[in-house]
Amino acid sequence: MSTNTRTLSGALSAVLATAVFVFGVQIPSQGQAGKDRDVRVVNTTSDPVPASIVGTPSVIIAGNPTVGLHPDFNKVIVANDPGAPALIRDVDSRFRVPVKISKSVLVTPGNFSTITDFLTVPNGKRFVLEGVSAHAALPAGEKILIAVHATEPNANLVTVFVPMTHQGTFSSGDHYLGTEPFTLSVASGGALTATASRDTIGSTVFVETTVVGYFEDVP
């Protein structure tokens, strides 16, 4: 064998040995974690990674987030058993003192109307009127009009009327009744009055009016 042939053969043997050594070393795959390599988990809303809480950890929410229950998946049910009912309290309700006042007046001959004083609202209170009822007895053929007036401390006047319905003619004349539910408030220092008016002045008319409501503390 010539010298050139031996030289070429030796070179090929050295290259082959180097290739075997290089490819024989294990190279970690891309998905494997090496000693100094981090593993990153991709967690998307369309393909979330299942997770669970183990033990009883403390959860701290920083900043000023809004935390709530999803209306479609979470509900809070309060058990309200008749034997042990859930206690509730109306925080908007103030201490109330019921008020019921009935007053009778006569519209004497020569007078078209008369006025009735019901109440003046005490200091620190507010009066809430919830309804008025009235009864009137007058000569046959006469008409009657009942009005309730709420006068505020600043002299502002609010008037409401009570529709009167003819009930029939009895020995004492025509009788009318009217009841009207509504809500009307009068501030501290204000007053509540009522007037009864008729269309003639020749005889005596009997009128009884009742107001119903309550006093409550002024906030």
C-alpha atoms as a PDB file:
ATOM      1  CA  MET A   1       0.000   0.000   0.000  1.00  0.00           C
ATOM      2  CA  SER A   2       1.293   3.397  -0.878  1.00  0.00           C
ATOM      3  CA  THR A   3       1.982   6.168   1.591  1.00  0.00           C
ATOM      4  CA  ASN A   4      -0.900   8.318   0.298  1.00  0.00           C
ATOM      5  CA  THR A   5      -3.359   5.490   0.673  1.00  0.00           C
ATOM      6  CA  ARG A   6      -2.331   4.871   4.265  1.00  0.00           C
ATOM      7  CA  THR A   7      -2.634   8.561   5.090  1.00  0.00           C
ATOM      8  CA  LEU A   8      -6.169   8.809   3.632  1.00  0.00           C
ATOM      9  CA  SER A   9      -7.292   5.681   5.499  1.00  0.00           C
ATOM     10  CA  GLY A  10      -5.999   7.054   8.778  1.00  0.00           C
ATOM     11  CA  ALA A  11      -7.834  10.347   8.264  1.00  0.00           C
ATOM     12  CA  LEU A  12     -11.137   8.603   7.539  1.00  0.00           C
ATOM     13  CA  SER A  13     -10.768   6.495  10.686  1.00  0.00           C
ATOM     14  CA  ALA A  14     -10.242   9.634  12.812  1.00  0.00           C
ATOM     15  CA  VAL A  15     -13.367  11.340  11.328  1.00  0.00           C
ATOM     16  CA  LEU A  16     -15.497   8.252  11.944  1.00  0.00           C
ATOM     17  CA  ALA A  17     -14.353   8.038  15.592  1.00  0.00           C
ATOM     18  CA  THR A  18     -15.159  11.713  16.179  1.00  0.00           C
ATOM     19  CA  ALA A  19     -18.700  11.328  14.714  1.00  0.00           C
ATOM     20  CA  VAL A  20     -19.414   8.313  16.895  1.00  0.00           C
ATOM     21  CA  PHE A  21     -18.288  10.237  19.982  1.00  0.00           C
ATOM     22  CA  VAL A  22     -20.356  13.342  19.156  1.00  0.00           C
ATOM     23  CA  PHE A  23     -23.598  11.583  18.274  1.00  0.00           C
ATOM     24  CA  GLY A  24     -23.229   9.134  21.081  1.00  0.00           C
ATOM     25  CA  VAL A  25     -23.687  11.906  23.673  1.00  0.00           C
ATOM     26  CA  GLN A  26     -27.392  12.269  24.714  1.00  0.00           C
ATOM     27  CA  ILE A  27     -28.842  15.704  23.897  1.00  0.00           C
ATOM     28  CA  PRO A  28     -31.915  16.682  25.971  1.00  0.00           C
ATOM     29  CA  SER A  29     -35.063  17.125  23.901  1.00  0.00           C
ATOM     30  CA  GLN A  30     -36.749  20.520  23.731  1.00  0.00           C
ATOM     31  CA  GLY A  31     -39.541  19.445  26.093  1.00  0.00           C
ATOM     32  CA  GLN A  32     -37.243  18.182  28.845  1.00  0.00           C
ATOM     33  CA  ALA A  33     -36.147  20.317  31.800  1.00  0.00           C
ATOM     34  CA  GLY A  34     -32.479  20.441  32.439  1.00  0.00           C
ATOM     35  CA  LYS A  35     -30.786  21.403  35.654  1.00  0.00           C
ATOM     36  CA  ASP A  36     -30.769  25.082  34.758  1.00  0.00           C
ATOM     37  CA  ARG A  37     -33.880  25.144  32.541  1.00  0.00           C
ATOM     38  CA  ASP A  38     -37.372  26.514  33.532  1.00  0.00           C
ATOM     39  CA  VAL A  39     -40.624  24.805  32.616  1.00  0.00           C
ATOM     40  CA  ARG A  40     -43.306  27.158  31.346  1.00  0.00           C
ATOM     41  CA  VAL A  41     -46.987  26.115  31.514  1.00  0.00           C
ATOM     42  CA  VAL A  42     -49.327  27.913  29.110  1.00  0.00           C
ATOM     43  CA  ASN A  43     -52.751  28.526  30.711  1.00  0.00           C
ATOM     44  CA  THR A  44     -55.329  30.060  28.380  1.00  0.00           C
ATOM     45  CA  THR A  45     -59.035  30.671  28.881  1.00  0.00           C
ATOM     46  CA  SER A  46     -59.872  28.402  25.975  1.00  0.00           C
ATOM     47  CA  ASP A  47     -57.628  25.599  27.251  1.00  0.00           C
ATOM     48  CA  PRO A  48     -57.192  26.129  31.011  1.00  0.00           C
ATOM     49  CA  VAL A  49     -54.892  24.042  33.147  1.00  0.00           C
ATOM     50  CA  PRO A  50     -56.841  22.165  35.894  1.00  0.00           C
ATOM     51  CA  ALA A  51     -55.821  23.296  39.387  1.00  0.00           C
ATOM     52  CA  SER A  52     -56.997  22.703  42.940  1.00  0.00           C
ATOM     53  CA  ILE A  53     -56.347  24.218  46.365  1.00  0.00           C
ATOM     54  CA  VAL A  54     -54.665  21.866  48.802  1.00  0.00           C
ATOM     55  CA  GLY A  55     -55.019  22.419  52.537  1.00  0.00           C
ATOM     56  CA  THR A  56     -56.294  25.706  53.989  1.00  0.00           C
ATOM     57  CA  PRO A  57     -54.149  28.451  52.482  1.00  0.00           C
ATOM     58  CA  SER A  58     -54.516  32.167  53.190  1.00  0.00           C
ATOM     59  CA  VAL A  59     -55.650  34.219  50.213  1.00  0.00           C
ATOM     60  CA  ILE A  60     -54.544  37.857  50.082  1.00  0.00           C
ATOM     61  CA  ILE A  61     -56.094  40.151  47.490  1.00  0.00           C
ATOM     62  CA  ALA A  62     -54.007  43.253  46.909  1.00  0.00           C
ATOM     63  CA  GLY A  63     -55.138  46.562  45.514  1.00  0.00           C
ATOM     64  CA  ASN A  64     -58.831  47.425  45.205  1.00  0.00           C
ATOM     65  CA  PRO A  65     -60.407  44.628  43.152  1.00  0.00           C
ATOM     66  CA  THR A  66     -64.078  43.781  42.763  1.00  0.00           C
ATOM     67  CA  VAL A  67     -64.885  40.322  44.076  1.00  0.00           C
ATOM     68  CA  GLY A  68     -68.276  38.726  43.577  1.00  0.00           C
ATOM     69  CA  LEU A  69     -70.180  35.570  42.787  1.00  0.00           C
ATOM     70  CA  HIS A  70     -70.948  34.717  39.201  1.00  0.00           C
ATOM     71  CA  PRO A  71     -74.755  34.889  38.890  1.00  0.00           C
ATOM     72  CA  ASP A  72     -74.900  31.855  36.610  1.00  0.00           C
ATOM     73  CA  PHE A  73     -72.831  29.491  38.729  1.00  0.00           C
ATOM     74  CA  ASN A  74     -72.858  30.644  42.339  1.00  0.00           C
ATOM     75  CA  LYS A  75     -75.750  31.507  44.656  1.00  0.00           C
ATOM     76  CA  VAL A  76     -76.002  32.255  48.342  1.00  0.00           C
ATOM     77  CA  ILE A  77     -79.015  30.627  50.014  1.00  0.00           C
ATOM     78  CA  VAL A  78     -80.069  31.767  53.476  1.00  0.00           C
ATOM     79  CA  ALA A  79     -81.891  29.088  55.422  1.00  0.00           C
ATOM     80  CA  ASN A  80     -85.053  30.537  56.960  1.00  0.00           C
ATOM     81  CA  ASP A  81     -86.545  27.757  59.015  1.00  0.00           C
ATOM     82  CA  PRO A  82     -89.846  28.516  60.821  1.00  0.00           C
ATOM     83  CA  GLY A  83     -88.349  27.104  64.006  1.00  0.00           C
ATOM     84  CA  ALA A  84     -85.248  29.299  63.744  1.00  0.00           C
ATOM     85  CA  PRO A  85     -86.065  32.159  61.354  1.00  0.00           C
ATOM     86  CA  ALA A  86     -83.353  34.375  59.945  1.00  0.00           C
ATOM     87  CA  LEU A  87     -83.292  37.741  61.692  1.00  0.00           C
ATOM     88  CA  ILE A  88     -83.704  40.810  59.501  1.00  0.00           C
ATOM     89  CA  ARG A  89     -83.826  44.524  60.178  1.00  0.00           C
ATOM     90  CA  ASP A  90     -85.022  47.409  58.021  1.00  0.00           C
ATOM     91  CA  VAL A  91     -82.156  49.885  58.329  1.00  0.00           C
ATOM     92  CA  ASP A  92     -84.124  52.554  56.438  1.00  0.00           C
ATOM     93  CA  SER A  93     -87.076  52.434  58.828  1.00  0.00           C
ATOM     94  CA  ARG A  94     -87.060  54.997  61.622  1.00  0.00           C
ATOM     95  CA  PHE A  95     -88.910  54.872  64.908  1.00  0.00           C
ATOM     96  CA  ARG A  96     -92.576  55.580  64.169  1.00  0.00           C
ATOM     97  CA  VAL A  97     -95.409  56.700  66.430  1.00  0.00           C
ATOM     98  CA  PRO A  98     -98.859  55.927  64.953  1.00  0.00           C
ATOM     99  CA  VAL A  99    -101.327  58.818  64.813  1.00  0.00           C
ATOM    100  CA  LYS A 100    -105.133  58.521  64.449  1.00  0.00           C
ATOM    101  CA  ILE A 101    -107.251  61.631  64.965  1.00  0.00           C
ATOM    102  CA  SER A 102    -111.027  62.052  64.462  1.00  0.00           C
ATOM    103  CA  LYS A 103    -112.747  65.412  64.843  1.00  0.00           C
ATOM    104  CA  SER A 104    -116.347  66.512  64.360  1.00  0.00           C
ATOM    105  CA  VAL A 105    -117.515  70.017  63.449  1.00  0.00           C
ATOM    106  CA  LEU A 106    -120.778  71.814  62.634  1.00  0.00           C
ATOM    107  CA  VAL A 107    -121.139  74.218  59.748  1.00  0.00           C
ATOM    108  CA  THR A 108    -123.696  76.539  61.254  1.00  0.00           C
ATOM    109  CA  PRO A 109    -126.289  78.603  59.339  1.00  0.00           C
ATOM    110  CA  GLY A 110    -124.796  81.617  57.662  1.00  0.00           C
ATOM    111  CA  ASN A 111    -121.392  79.931  57.111  1.00  0.00           C
ATOM    112  CA  PHE A 112    -120.242  78.310  53.913  1.00  0.00           C
ATOM    113  CA  SER A 113    -117.316  76.448  55.504  1.00  0.00           C
ATOM    114  CA  THR A 114    -115.440  75.597  58.665  1.00  0.00           C
ATOM    115  CA  ILE A 115    -111.852  74.644  59.440  1.00  0.00           C
ATOM    116  CA  THR A 116    -110.527  71.887  61.717  1.00  0.00           C
ATOM    117  CA  ASP A 117    -107.053  71.904  63.290  1.00  0.00           C
ATOM    118  CA  PHE A 118    -105.597  68.406  63.583  1.00  0.00           C
ATOM    119  CA  LEU A 119    -101.974  68.748  64.662  1.00  0.00           C
ATOM    120  CA  THR A 120     -98.736  70.726  64.674  1.00  0.00           C
ATOM    121  CA  VAL A 121     -95.615  68.660  64.027  1.00  0.00           C
ATOM    122  CA  PRO A 122     -93.249  68.683  67.078  1.00  0.00           C
ATOM    123  CA  ASN A 123     -89.595  69.643  66.841  1.00  0.00           C
ATOM    124  CA  GLY A 124     -87.352  66.836  65.670  1.00  0.00           C
ATOM    125  CA  LYS A 125     -90.279  64.957  64.117  1.00  0.00           C
ATOM    126  CA  ARG A 126     -91.931  64.598  60.750  1.00  0.00           C
ATOM    127  CA  PHE A 127     -95.564  63.668  60.213  1.00  0.00           C
ATOM    128  CA  VAL A 128     -96.490  61.292  57.394  1.00  0.00           C
ATOM    129  CA  LEU A 129    -100.163  61.290  56.442  1.00  0.00           C
ATOM    130  CA  GLU A 130    -101.353  57.962  55.033  1.00  0.00           C
ATOM    131  CA  GLY A 131    -105.057  58.567  54.542  1.00  0.00           C
ATOM    132  CA  VAL A 132    -108.191  60.599  55.261  1.00  0.00           C
ATOM    133  CA  SER A 133    -111.790  59.499  55.852  1.00  0.00           C
ATOM    134  CA  ALA A 134    -114.819  61.785  56.142  1.00  0.00           C
ATOM    135  CA  HIS A 135    -118.567  61.608  56.825  1.00  0.00           C
ATOM    136  CA  ALA A 136    -121.042  64.439  56.278  1.00  0.00           C
ATOM    137  CA  ALA A 137    -124.759  64.785  57.011  1.00  0.00           C
ATOM    138  CA  LEU A 138    -126.516  67.749  55.399  1.00  0.00           C
ATOM    139  CA  PRO A 139    -129.967  68.828  54.230  1.00  0.00           C
ATOM    140  CA  ALA A 140    -131.289  66.979  51.195  1.00  0.00           C
ATOM    141  CA  GLY A 141    -130.002  68.380  47.951  1.00  0.00           C
ATOM    142  CA  GLU A 142    -126.937  70.144  49.408  1.00  0.00           C
ATOM    143  CA  LYS A 143    -123.376  69.323  48.386  1.00  0.00           C
ATOM    144  CA  ILE A 144    -120.207  69.021  50.509  1.00  0.00           C
ATOM    145  CA  LEU A 145    -116.490  69.384  49.775  1.00  0.00           C
ATOM    146  CA  ILE A 146    -113.753  68.064  52.132  1.00  0.00           C
ATOM    147  CA  ALA A 147    -110.133  69.216  51.759  1.00  0.00           C
ATOM    148  CA  VAL A 148    -107.008  68.489  53.823  1.00  0.00           C
ATOM    149  CA  HIS A 149    -104.227  71.108  54.014  1.00  0.00           C
ATOM    150  CA  ALA A 150    -100.581  70.471  54.879  1.00  0.00           C
ATOM    151  CA  THR A 151     -98.792  73.725  55.706  1.00  0.00           C
ATOM    152  CA  GLU A 152     -94.990  73.586  55.865  1.00  0.00           C
ATOM    153  CA  PRO A 153     -92.923  75.827  58.217  1.00  0.00           C
ATOM    154  CA  ASN A 154     -92.041  78.022  55.226  1.00  0.00           C
ATOM    155  CA  ALA A 155     -95.791  78.570  54.626  1.00  0.00           C
ATOM    156  CA  ASN A 156     -95.796  76.318  51.573  1.00  0.00           C
ATOM    157  CA  LEU A 157     -99.328  74.848  51.347  1.00  0.00           C
ATOM    158  CA  VAL A 158    -100.356  71.513  49.850  1.00  0.00           C
ATOM    159  CA  THR A 159    -104.070  70.683  49.552  1.00  0.00           C
ATOM    160  CA  VAL A 160    -105.619  67.298  48.813  1.00  0.00           C
ATOM    161  CA  PHE A 161    -109.316  66.603  48.351  1.00  0.00           C
ATOM    162  CA  VAL A 162    -111.436  63.696  49.564  1.00  0.00           C
ATOM    163  CA  PRO A 163    -113.993  62.488  46.996  1.00  0.00           C
ATOM    164  CA  MET A 164    -117.384  62.271  48.748  1.00  0.00           C
ATOM    165  CA  THR A 165    -119.971  59.722  47.588  1.00  0.00           C
ATOM    166  CA  HIS A 166    -123.693  60.039  48.300  1.00  0.00           C
ATOM    167  CA  GLN A 167    -124.821  57.134  50.501  1.00  0.00           C
ATOM    168  CA  GLY A 168    -128.529  57.907  50.648  1.00  0.00           C
ATOM    169  CA  THR A 169    -131.152  60.158  52.220  1.00  0.00           C
ATOM    170  CA  PHE A 170    -132.089  59.396  55.821  1.00  0.00           C
ATOM    171  CA  SER A 171    -134.098  61.196  58.495  1.00  0.00           C
ATOM    172  CA  SER A 172    -131.318  63.728  59.087  1.00  0.00           C
ATOM    173  CA  GLY A 173    -130.807  64.453  55.361  1.00  0.00           C
ATOM    174  CA  ASP A 174    -128.271  63.363  52.765  1.00  0.00           C
ATOM    175  CA  HIS A 175    -125.237  61.384  53.929  1.00  0.00           C
ATOM    176  CA  TYR A 176    -121.879  61.396  52.169  1.00  0.00           C
ATOM    177  CA  LEU A 177    -118.806  59.232  52.802  1.00  0.00           C
ATOM    178  CA  GLY A 178    -115.280  59.496  51.439  1.00  0.00           C
ATOM    179  CA  THR A 179    -111.973  57.698  52.013  1.00  0.00           C
ATOM    180  CA  GLU A 180    -108.729  58.578  50.275  1.00  0.00           C
ATOM    181  CA  PRO A 181    -105.377  56.785  50.860  1.00  0.00           C
ATOM    182  CA  PHE A 182    -102.227  58.742  49.990  1.00  0.00           C
ATOM    183  CA  THR A 183     -98.826  59.630  51.380  1.00  0.00           C
ATOM    184  CA  LEU A 184     -98.104  63.213  52.384  1.00  0.00           C
ATOM    185  CA  SER A 185     -95.355  64.381  54.732  1.00  0.00           C
ATOM    186  CA  VAL A 186     -95.257  67.529  56.873  1.00  0.00           C
ATOM    187  CA  ALA A 187     -91.946  68.779  58.291  1.00  0.00           C
ATOM    188  CA  SER A 188     -91.218  69.771  61.878  1.00  0.00           C
ATOM    189  CA  GLY A 189     -93.141  72.950  62.751  1.00  0.00           C
ATOM    190  CA  GLY A 190     -95.744  72.387  60.030  1.00  0.00           C
ATOM    191  CA  ALA A 191     -99.472  71.902  60.600  1.00  0.00           C
ATOM    192  CA  LEU A 192    -102.300  69.713  59.329  1.00  0.00           C
ATOM    193  CA  THR A 193    -105.836  71.102  58.955  1.00  0.00           C
ATOM    194  CA  ALA A 194    -109.058  70.251  57.111  1.00  0.00           C
ATOM    195  CA  THR A 195    -111.920  72.326  55.700  1.00  0.00           C
ATOM    196  CA  ALA A 196    -115.531  71.415  54.999  1.00  0.00           C
ATOM    197  CA  SER A 197    -117.357  73.577  52.453  1.00  0.00           C
ATOM    198  CA  ARG A 198    -120.987  73.467  51.288  1.00  0.00           C
ATOM    199  CA  ASP A 199    -123.019  75.181  48.588  1.00  0.00           C
ATOM    200  CA  THR A 200    -125.701  76.862  50.773  1.00  0.00           C
ATOM    201  CA  ILE A 201    -125.808  78.616  54.149  1.00  0.00           C
ATOM    202  CA  GLY A 202    -129.360  78.036  55.303  1.00  0.00           C
ATOM    203  CA  SER A 203    -128.979  75.136  57.756  1.00  0.00           C
ATOM    204  CA  THR A 204    -126.567  73.143  59.938  1.00  0.00           C
ATOM    205  CA  VAL A 205    -124.193  70.571  58.461  1.00  0.00           C
ATOM    206  CA  PHE A 206    -122.445  67.844  60.483  1.00  0.00           C
ATOM    207  CA  VAL A 207    -118.962  66.765  59.362  1.00  0.00           C
ATOM    208  CA  GLU A 208    -116.601  64.186  60.911  1.00  0.00           C
ATOM    209  CA  THR A 209    -113.054  63.819  59.532  1.00  0.00           C
ATOM    210  CA  THR A 210    -110.374  61.254  60.443  1.00  0.00           C
ATOM    211  CA  VAL A 211    -106.674  61.414  59.570  1.00  0.00           C
ATOM    212  CA  VAL A 212    -104.291  58.474  59.894  1.00  0.00           C
ATOM    213  CA  GLY A 213    -100.491  58.524  59.780  1.00  0.00           C
ATOM    214  CA  TYR A 214     -97.423  58.516  61.995  1.00  0.00           C
ATOM    215  CA  PHE A 215     -94.666  60.646  63.488  1.00  0.00           C
ATOM    216  CA  GLU A 216     -91.079  59.675  62.770  1.00  0.00           C
ATOM    217  CA  ASP A 217     -87.698  61.035  63.836  1.00  0.00           C
ATOM    218  CA  VAL A 218     -86.055  63.501  61.486  1.00  0.00           C
ATOM    219  CA  PRO A 219     -82.715  62.094  60.222  1.00  0.00           C
END
